[in-house]
Amino acid sequence: MPGQSFEDLEIWQLARSLTGKIYKLTANERFSKDFGLCSQIQRASVSVMSNIAEGYERGGNQEFIQFLAIAKGSCGEVRCQLYVALDQGYVKREHADSLIDQHRKLSIMVHKFMEHLKGSRFKGPKYKEPKPDPKMAEFDALLKECMKK
């Protein structure tokens, strides 16, 4: 897996930043009085970054992919709740649109990372590294030889 810890992952860093923005938004006096929506959007936002972290720490790509899918779902949940906040007048349209767009981009990044992991021969740090494919070694040697000419 890339990086040494989940904190190195760009998707986790973005999720953390967006969680801060959600907490700042919900500190608004009118929004904060809607206890149900305020709590739900905060928990969904925290869920995104938490599932990225927990999946990474599991050490296997298949488990990581499952946790990323949950994180992606929570990202959609935050977007949905932002529409509710917009409809209730807790947030201005420009601010809601910006946050919705940023969460949509994060969702796309998570999806692309999941696809990358699905196609990887490396199954995670808790597993042995895959043995090199001898055919690829032969191909690499031939390619190097051709590049010298």
N, C-alpha and C. Protein backbone atom coordinates (compact mmCIF):
# COMPACT_ATOMS: atom_id res chain seq x y z
N MET A 1 0.85 -1.17 0.00
CA MET A 1 0.00 0.00 0.00
C MET A 1 0.90 1.23 0.00
N PRO A 2 0.43 2.30 -0.62
CA PRO A 2 1.25 3.50 -0.68
C PRO A 2 1.39 4.14 0.70
N GLY A 3 2.54 4.75 0.94
CA GLY A 3 2.72 5.46 2.20
C GLY A 3 2.97 4.52 3.35
N GLN A 4 3.31 5.10 4.47
CA GLN A 4 3.62 4.33 5.67
C GLN A 4 2.44 4.28 6.64
N SER A 5 1.49 5.19 6.48
CA SER A 5 0.34 5.23 7.38
C SER A 5 -0.86 5.84 6.65
N PHE A 6 -2.02 5.67 7.23
CA PHE A 6 -3.21 6.23 6.59
C PHE A 6 -3.14 7.74 6.48
N GLU A 7 -2.39 8.37 7.39
CA GLU A 7 -2.25 9.84 7.35
C GLU A 7 -1.56 10.32 6.09
N ASP A 8 -0.82 9.42 5.42
CA ASP A 8 -0.13 9.77 4.18
C ASP A 8 -1.07 9.77 2.97
N LEU A 9 -2.22 9.17 3.12
CA LEU A 9 -3.15 9.05 1.99
C LEU A 9 -3.84 10.38 1.69
N GLU A 10 -3.80 10.78 0.44
CA GLU A 10 -4.44 12.04 0.03
C GLU A 10 -5.95 12.01 0.31
N ILE A 11 -6.57 10.85 0.11
CA ILE A 11 -8.02 10.77 0.37
C ILE A 11 -8.34 10.97 1.84
N TRP A 12 -7.48 10.47 2.73
CA TRP A 12 -7.71 10.68 4.15
C TRP A 12 -7.50 12.14 4.52
N GLN A 13 -6.47 12.75 3.97
CA GLN A 13 -6.19 14.16 4.24
C GLN A 13 -7.35 15.04 3.79
N LEU A 14 -7.90 14.76 2.61
CA LEU A 14 -9.05 15.52 2.12
C LEU A 14 -10.27 15.28 3.00
N ALA A 15 -10.50 14.03 3.38
CA ALA A 15 -11.64 13.71 4.25
C ALA A 15 -11.52 14.45 5.58
N ARG A 16 -10.32 14.52 6.11
CA ARG A 16 -10.10 15.24 7.37
C ARG A 16 -10.42 16.73 7.21
N SER A 17 -9.94 17.31 6.12
CA SER A 17 -10.20 18.72 5.85
C SER A 17 -11.70 18.99 5.72
N LEU A 18 -12.39 18.12 5.01
CA LEU A 18 -13.84 18.29 4.82
C LEU A 18 -14.60 18.10 6.13
N THR A 19 -14.12 17.20 6.97
CA THR A 19 -14.75 17.02 8.28
C THR A 19 -14.66 18.31 9.09
N GLY A 20 -13.52 18.96 9.03
CA GLY A 20 -13.36 20.25 9.71
C GLY A 20 -14.35 21.28 9.18
N LYS A 21 -14.55 21.29 7.88
CA LYS A 21 -15.51 22.24 7.28
C LYS A 21 -16.94 21.93 7.72
N ILE A 22 -17.27 20.65 7.83
CA ILE A 22 -18.62 20.26 8.27
C ILE A 22 -18.82 20.69 9.73
N TYR A 23 -17.84 20.48 10.57
CA TYR A 23 -17.95 20.90 11.98
C TYR A 23 -18.10 22.41 12.08
N LYS A 24 -17.37 23.13 11.26
CA LYS A 24 -17.48 24.60 11.27
C LYS A 24 -18.88 25.02 10.82
N LEU A 25 -19.38 24.37 9.78
CA LEU A 25 -20.72 24.68 9.27
C LEU A 25 -21.79 24.41 10.34
N THR A 26 -21.67 23.29 11.03
CA THR A 26 -22.70 22.92 12.01
C THR A 26 -22.61 23.72 13.30
N ALA A 27 -21.55 24.51 13.45
CA ALA A 27 -21.45 25.40 14.61
C ALA A 27 -22.37 26.60 14.46
N ASN A 28 -22.88 26.83 13.25
CA ASN A 28 -23.84 27.90 12.98
C ASN A 28 -25.02 27.74 13.93
N GLU A 29 -25.46 28.84 14.52
CA GLU A 29 -26.49 28.77 15.58
C GLU A 29 -27.75 28.05 15.14
N ARG A 30 -28.29 28.39 13.96
CA ARG A 30 -29.53 27.73 13.51
C ARG A 30 -29.30 26.25 13.25
N PHE A 31 -28.18 25.94 12.59
CA PHE A 31 -27.88 24.54 12.26
C PHE A 31 -27.68 23.73 13.54
N SER A 32 -26.96 24.27 14.48
CA SER A 32 -26.62 23.53 15.71
C SER A 32 -27.86 23.20 16.54
N LYS A 33 -28.95 23.94 16.34
CA LYS A 33 -30.18 23.66 17.09
C LYS A 33 -30.96 22.49 16.51
N ASP A 34 -30.64 22.11 15.27
CA ASP A 34 -31.26 20.93 14.67
C ASP A 34 -30.39 19.74 15.06
N PHE A 35 -30.60 19.25 16.26
CA PHE A 35 -29.72 18.24 16.84
C PHE A 35 -29.60 16.98 15.98
N GLY A 36 -30.69 16.54 15.41
CA GLY A 36 -30.68 15.32 14.61
C GLY A 36 -29.80 15.46 13.38
N LEU A 37 -30.07 16.50 12.58
CA LEU A 37 -29.31 16.70 11.35
C LEU A 37 -27.86 17.04 11.66
N CYS A 38 -27.64 17.87 12.66
CA CYS A 38 -26.28 18.29 13.05
C CYS A 38 -25.45 17.06 13.43
N SER A 39 -26.00 16.23 14.27
CA SER A 39 -25.28 15.03 14.71
C SER A 39 -25.06 14.06 13.55
N GLN A 40 -26.08 13.88 12.72
CA GLN A 40 -25.99 12.92 11.62
C GLN A 40 -24.93 13.32 10.60
N ILE A 41 -24.90 14.58 10.22
CA ILE A 41 -23.93 15.01 9.20
C ILE A 41 -22.50 14.97 9.78
N GLN A 42 -22.36 15.28 11.06
CA GLN A 42 -21.04 15.19 11.69
C GLN A 42 -20.58 13.73 11.73
N ARG A 43 -21.47 12.83 12.13
CA ARG A 43 -21.10 11.42 12.22
C ARG A 43 -20.79 10.83 10.84
N ALA A 44 -21.54 11.23 9.83
CA ALA A 44 -21.28 10.74 8.47
C ALA A 44 -19.93 11.24 7.98
N SER A 45 -19.63 12.49 8.27
CA SER A 45 -18.35 13.07 7.85
C SER A 45 -17.18 12.37 8.55
N VAL A 46 -17.31 12.15 9.84
CA VAL A 46 -16.27 11.45 10.59
C VAL A 46 -16.14 10.01 10.07
N SER A 47 -17.24 9.42 9.69
CA SER A 47 -17.24 8.05 9.16
C SER A 47 -16.36 7.92 7.91
N VAL A 48 -16.36 8.94 7.07
CA VAL A 48 -15.55 8.89 5.85
C VAL A 48 -14.09 8.71 6.22
N MET A 49 -13.56 9.61 7.03
CA MET A 49 -12.13 9.54 7.37
C MET A 49 -11.81 8.34 8.25
N SER A 50 -12.73 7.97 9.13
CA SER A 50 -12.50 6.83 10.02
C SER A 50 -12.43 5.51 9.25
N ASN A 51 -13.30 5.33 8.27
CA ASN A 51 -13.30 4.09 7.50
C ASN A 51 -12.08 3.99 6.60
N ILE A 52 -11.60 5.10 6.09
CA ILE A 52 -10.35 5.08 5.33
C ILE A 52 -9.22 4.62 6.24
N ALA A 53 -9.15 5.18 7.44
CA ALA A 53 -8.10 4.83 8.40
C ALA A 53 -8.20 3.38 8.83
N GLU A 54 -9.40 2.95 9.22
CA GLU A 54 -9.55 1.58 9.71
C GLU A 54 -9.26 0.56 8.62
N GLY A 55 -9.73 0.82 7.41
CA GLY A 55 -9.46 -0.10 6.31
C GLY A 55 -7.98 -0.22 6.02
N TYR A 56 -7.29 0.90 6.05
CA TYR A 56 -5.84 0.89 5.81
C TYR A 56 -5.13 0.05 6.87
N GLU A 57 -5.52 0.25 8.11
CA GLU A 57 -4.85 -0.43 9.22
C GLU A 57 -5.12 -1.93 9.25
N ARG A 58 -6.14 -2.40 8.54
CA ARG A 58 -6.43 -3.84 8.49
C ARG A 58 -5.33 -4.62 7.79
N GLY A 59 -4.62 -3.96 6.87
CA GLY A 59 -3.45 -4.57 6.26
C GLY A 59 -3.69 -5.43 5.03
N GLY A 60 -4.93 -5.57 4.60
CA GLY A 60 -5.23 -6.35 3.41
C GLY A 60 -6.08 -5.56 2.44
N ASN A 61 -5.78 -5.69 1.17
CA ASN A 61 -6.51 -4.90 0.17
C ASN A 61 -8.01 -5.19 0.14
N GLN A 62 -8.40 -6.45 0.27
CA GLN A 62 -9.83 -6.77 0.21
C GLN A 62 -10.60 -6.10 1.34
N GLU A 63 -10.06 -6.15 2.54
CA GLU A 63 -10.71 -5.47 3.67
C GLU A 63 -10.68 -3.95 3.46
N PHE A 64 -9.56 -3.45 2.96
CA PHE A 64 -9.44 -2.01 2.71
C PHE A 64 -10.50 -1.57 1.72
N ILE A 65 -10.69 -2.34 0.66
CA ILE A 65 -11.70 -2.01 -0.35
C ILE A 65 -13.09 -1.96 0.27
N GLN A 66 -13.39 -2.90 1.17
CA GLN A 66 -14.71 -2.90 1.84
C GLN A 66 -14.90 -1.62 2.67
N PHE A 67 -13.86 -1.23 3.40
CA PHE A 67 -13.95 -0.03 4.22
C PHE A 67 -14.01 1.23 3.35
N LEU A 68 -13.32 1.21 2.22
CA LEU A 68 -13.41 2.34 1.29
C LEU A 68 -14.82 2.47 0.73
N ALA A 69 -15.47 1.34 0.49
CA ALA A 69 -16.85 1.38 -0.01
C ALA A 69 -17.77 2.02 1.03
N ILE A 70 -17.54 1.71 2.29
CA ILE A 70 -18.33 2.34 3.36
C ILE A 70 -18.04 3.83 3.41
N ALA A 71 -16.77 4.20 3.30
CA ALA A 71 -16.38 5.62 3.30
C ALA A 71 -17.05 6.35 2.15
N LYS A 72 -17.08 5.72 0.98
CA LYS A 72 -17.71 6.32 -0.20
C LYS A 72 -19.21 6.52 0.04
N GLY A 73 -19.83 5.53 0.66
CA GLY A 73 -21.26 5.65 0.99
C GLY A 73 -21.52 6.78 1.97
N SER A 74 -20.65 6.93 2.96
CA SER A 74 -20.79 8.01 3.93
C SER A 74 -20.60 9.37 3.27
N CYS A 75 -19.74 9.41 2.26
CA CYS A 75 -19.52 10.65 1.50
C CYS A 75 -20.83 11.07 0.81
N GLY A 76 -21.52 10.09 0.25
CA GLY A 76 -22.83 10.36 -0.36
C GLY A 76 -23.85 10.81 0.68
N GLU A 77 -23.77 10.22 1.85
CA GLU A 77 -24.67 10.61 2.94
C GLU A 77 -24.46 12.07 3.33
N VAL A 78 -23.21 12.50 3.42
CA VAL A 78 -22.93 13.90 3.74
C VAL A 78 -23.52 14.81 2.67
N ARG A 79 -23.34 14.45 1.40
CA ARG A 79 -23.90 15.27 0.32
C ARG A 79 -25.42 15.38 0.46
N CYS A 80 -26.06 14.27 0.74
CA CYS A 80 -27.52 14.27 0.90
C CYS A 80 -27.94 15.19 2.04
N GLN A 81 -27.23 15.12 3.15
CA GLN A 81 -27.56 15.95 4.31
C GLN A 81 -27.28 17.42 4.06
N LEU A 82 -26.30 17.70 3.20
CA LEU A 82 -26.06 19.10 2.82
C LEU A 82 -27.25 19.66 2.05
N TYR A 83 -27.91 18.82 1.24
CA TYR A 83 -29.12 19.28 0.55
C TYR A 83 -30.24 19.57 1.55
N VAL A 84 -30.35 18.75 2.59
CA VAL A 84 -31.35 19.00 3.63
C VAL A 84 -31.03 20.32 4.33
N ALA A 85 -29.77 20.54 4.66
CA ALA A 85 -29.37 21.79 5.32
C ALA A 85 -29.65 22.99 4.42
N LEU A 86 -29.42 22.84 3.13
CA LEU A 86 -29.71 23.90 2.16
C LEU A 86 -31.22 24.18 2.14
N ASP A 87 -32.01 23.13 2.06
CA ASP A 87 -33.47 23.28 2.00
C ASP A 87 -34.03 23.91 3.27
N GLN A 88 -33.36 23.70 4.40
CA GLN A 88 -33.82 24.27 5.67
C GLN A 88 -33.28 25.67 5.92
N GLY A 89 -32.44 26.14 5.01
CA GLY A 89 -31.88 27.49 5.15
C GLY A 89 -30.73 27.59 6.13
N TYR A 90 -30.09 26.45 6.44
CA TYR A 90 -28.97 26.46 7.39
C TYR A 90 -27.65 26.84 6.72
N VAL A 91 -27.64 26.78 5.39
CA VAL A 91 -26.41 27.06 4.63
C VAL A 91 -26.79 27.77 3.33
N LYS A 92 -25.94 28.69 2.91
CA LYS A 92 -26.19 29.39 1.65
C LYS A 92 -25.87 28.47 0.48
N ARG A 93 -26.56 28.69 -0.62
CA ARG A 93 -26.41 27.83 -1.80
C ARG A 93 -24.96 27.70 -2.25
N GLU A 94 -24.21 28.81 -2.31
CA GLU A 94 -22.82 28.76 -2.79
C GLU A 94 -21.96 27.87 -1.89
N HIS A 95 -22.17 28.00 -0.59
CA HIS A 95 -21.40 27.20 0.36
C HIS A 95 -21.79 25.72 0.25
N ALA A 96 -23.09 25.46 0.17
CA ALA A 96 -23.56 24.07 0.03
C ALA A 96 -23.03 23.46 -1.26
N ASP A 97 -23.13 24.21 -2.37
CA ASP A 97 -22.65 23.69 -3.66
C ASP A 97 -21.16 23.38 -3.61
N SER A 98 -20.40 24.23 -2.96
CA SER A 98 -18.96 24.01 -2.85
C SER A 98 -18.66 22.73 -2.05
N LEU A 99 -19.33 22.57 -0.91
CA LEU A 99 -19.11 21.38 -0.09
C LEU A 99 -19.59 20.11 -0.79
N ILE A 100 -20.71 20.21 -1.47
CA ILE A 100 -21.23 19.06 -2.22
C ILE A 100 -20.24 18.66 -3.30
N ASP A 101 -19.72 19.65 -4.01
CA ASP A 101 -18.74 19.38 -5.07
C ASP A 101 -17.47 18.75 -4.51
N GLN A 102 -16.98 19.27 -3.39
CA GLN A 102 -15.77 18.72 -2.78
C GLN A 102 -15.99 17.28 -2.31
N HIS A 103 -17.16 16.98 -1.78
CA HIS A 103 -17.47 15.61 -1.36
C HIS A 103 -17.64 14.70 -2.58
N ARG A 104 -18.19 15.23 -3.66
CA ARG A 104 -18.31 14.44 -4.89
C ARG A 104 -16.92 14.09 -5.43
N LYS A 105 -16.00 15.04 -5.41
CA LYS A 105 -14.62 14.79 -5.86
C LYS A 105 -13.95 13.75 -4.97
N LEU A 106 -14.16 13.85 -3.66
CA LEU A 106 -13.60 12.85 -2.75
C LEU A 106 -14.16 11.47 -3.06
N SER A 107 -15.44 11.39 -3.32
CA SER A 107 -16.07 10.11 -3.65
C SER A 107 -15.44 9.51 -4.91
N ILE A 108 -15.17 10.33 -5.90
CA ILE A 108 -14.53 9.87 -7.13
C ILE A 108 -13.11 9.39 -6.84
N MET A 109 -12.38 10.13 -6.01
CA MET A 109 -11.02 9.72 -5.64
C MET A 109 -11.03 8.37 -4.91
N VAL A 110 -11.96 8.20 -4.01
CA VAL A 110 -12.07 6.93 -3.27
C VAL A 110 -12.37 5.80 -4.25
N HIS A 111 -13.30 6.04 -5.17
CA HIS A 111 -13.65 5.02 -6.16
C HIS A 111 -12.43 4.63 -7.00
N LYS A 112 -11.69 5.61 -7.47
CA LYS A 112 -10.50 5.33 -8.29
C LYS A 112 -9.45 4.56 -7.50
N PHE A 113 -9.32 4.90 -6.22
CA PHE A 113 -8.36 4.18 -5.38
C PHE A 113 -8.81 2.73 -5.19
N MET A 114 -10.12 2.52 -5.02
CA MET A 114 -10.65 1.16 -4.91
C MET A 114 -10.34 0.36 -6.18
N GLU A 115 -10.53 0.97 -7.33
CA GLU A 115 -10.26 0.29 -8.60
C GLU A 115 -8.77 -0.05 -8.71
N HIS A 116 -7.92 0.86 -8.26
CA HIS A 116 -6.48 0.61 -8.27
C HIS A 116 -6.14 -0.61 -7.40
N LEU A 117 -6.72 -0.65 -6.20
CA LEU A 117 -6.45 -1.77 -5.30
C LEU A 117 -6.97 -3.09 -5.85
N LYS A 118 -8.12 -3.05 -6.51
CA LYS A 118 -8.69 -4.27 -7.10
C LYS A 118 -7.77 -4.85 -8.17
N GLY A 119 -7.08 -3.99 -8.89
CA GLY A 119 -6.21 -4.44 -9.97
C GLY A 119 -4.79 -4.74 -9.53
N SER A 120 -4.48 -4.52 -8.27
CA SER A 120 -3.11 -4.70 -7.78
C SER A 120 -2.82 -6.16 -7.49
N ARG A 121 -1.61 -6.60 -7.85
CA ARG A 121 -1.18 -7.96 -7.51
C ARG A 121 -0.78 -8.03 -6.04
N PHE A 122 -0.39 -6.90 -5.47
CA PHE A 122 -0.01 -6.84 -4.06
C PHE A 122 -1.29 -6.85 -3.24
N LYS A 123 -1.42 -7.79 -2.33
CA LYS A 123 -2.67 -7.96 -1.59
C LYS A 123 -2.69 -7.28 -0.23
N GLY A 124 -1.60 -6.62 0.12
CA GLY A 124 -1.55 -5.91 1.40
C GLY A 124 -0.36 -6.35 2.22
N PRO A 125 0.04 -5.52 3.18
CA PRO A 125 1.24 -5.82 3.96
C PRO A 125 1.14 -7.06 4.85
N LYS A 126 -0.06 -7.51 5.16
CA LYS A 126 -0.15 -8.70 6.01
C LYS A 126 0.03 -9.99 5.20
N TYR A 127 0.14 -9.86 3.90
CA TYR A 127 0.37 -11.00 3.02
C TYR A 127 1.78 -10.94 2.44
N LYS A 128 2.27 -12.07 2.00
CA LYS A 128 3.58 -12.11 1.35
C LYS A 128 3.48 -11.40 0.01
N GLU A 129 4.59 -10.78 -0.38
CA GLU A 129 4.63 -10.12 -1.69
C GLU A 129 4.49 -11.18 -2.76
N PRO A 130 3.79 -10.87 -3.86
CA PRO A 130 3.66 -11.86 -4.93
C PRO A 130 5.02 -12.13 -5.57
N LYS A 131 5.17 -13.37 -6.00
CA LYS A 131 6.40 -13.74 -6.67
C LYS A 131 6.44 -13.04 -8.02
N PRO A 132 7.62 -12.58 -8.43
CA PRO A 132 7.71 -11.93 -9.73
C PRO A 132 7.34 -12.90 -10.84
N ASP A 133 6.67 -12.41 -11.83
CA ASP A 133 6.28 -13.21 -12.98
C ASP A 133 7.51 -13.38 -13.87
N PRO A 134 7.99 -14.63 -14.07
CA PRO A 134 9.20 -14.83 -14.87
C PRO A 134 9.06 -14.30 -16.30
N LYS A 135 7.86 -14.35 -16.84
CA LYS A 135 7.64 -13.84 -18.19
C LYS A 135 7.86 -12.33 -18.23
N MET A 136 7.44 -11.64 -17.15
CA MET A 136 7.64 -10.19 -17.09
C MET A 136 9.13 -9.87 -16.94
N ALA A 137 9.87 -10.70 -16.20
CA ALA A 137 11.31 -10.49 -16.04
C ALA A 137 12.01 -10.64 -17.40
N GLU A 138 11.59 -11.65 -18.15
CA GLU A 138 12.15 -11.84 -19.50
C GLU A 138 11.82 -10.64 -20.38
N PHE A 139 10.59 -10.20 -20.32
CA PHE A 139 10.16 -9.06 -21.12
C PHE A 139 10.95 -7.80 -20.74
N ASP A 140 11.10 -7.57 -19.44
CA ASP A 140 11.86 -6.41 -18.98
C ASP A 140 13.31 -6.46 -19.48
N ALA A 141 13.91 -7.65 -19.44
CA ALA A 141 15.29 -7.80 -19.91
C ALA A 141 15.38 -7.50 -21.40
N LEU A 142 14.43 -8.03 -22.18
CA LEU A 142 14.41 -7.77 -23.62
C LEU A 142 14.19 -6.28 -23.90
N LEU A 143 13.32 -5.67 -23.15
CA LEU A 143 13.04 -4.25 -23.33
C LEU A 143 14.29 -3.42 -23.04
N LYS A 144 14.99 -3.74 -21.97
CA LYS A 144 16.22 -3.04 -21.63
C LYS A 144 17.25 -3.20 -22.73
N GLU A 145 17.35 -4.42 -23.26
CA GLU A 145 18.30 -4.68 -24.34
C GLU A 145 17.97 -3.85 -25.58
N CYS A 146 16.68 -3.79 -25.90
CA CYS A 146 16.24 -2.99 -27.07
C CYS A 146 16.50 -1.50 -26.85
N MET A 147 16.34 -1.05 -25.62
CA MET A 147 16.54 0.36 -25.31
C MET A 147 18.00 0.77 -25.46
N LYS A 148 18.94 -0.20 -25.28
CA LYS A 148 20.37 0.08 -25.41
C LYS A 148 20.74 0.33 -26.86
N LYS A 149 20.01 -0.27 -27.77
CA LYS A 149 20.34 -0.18 -29.21
C LYS A 149 19.96 1.14 -29.81
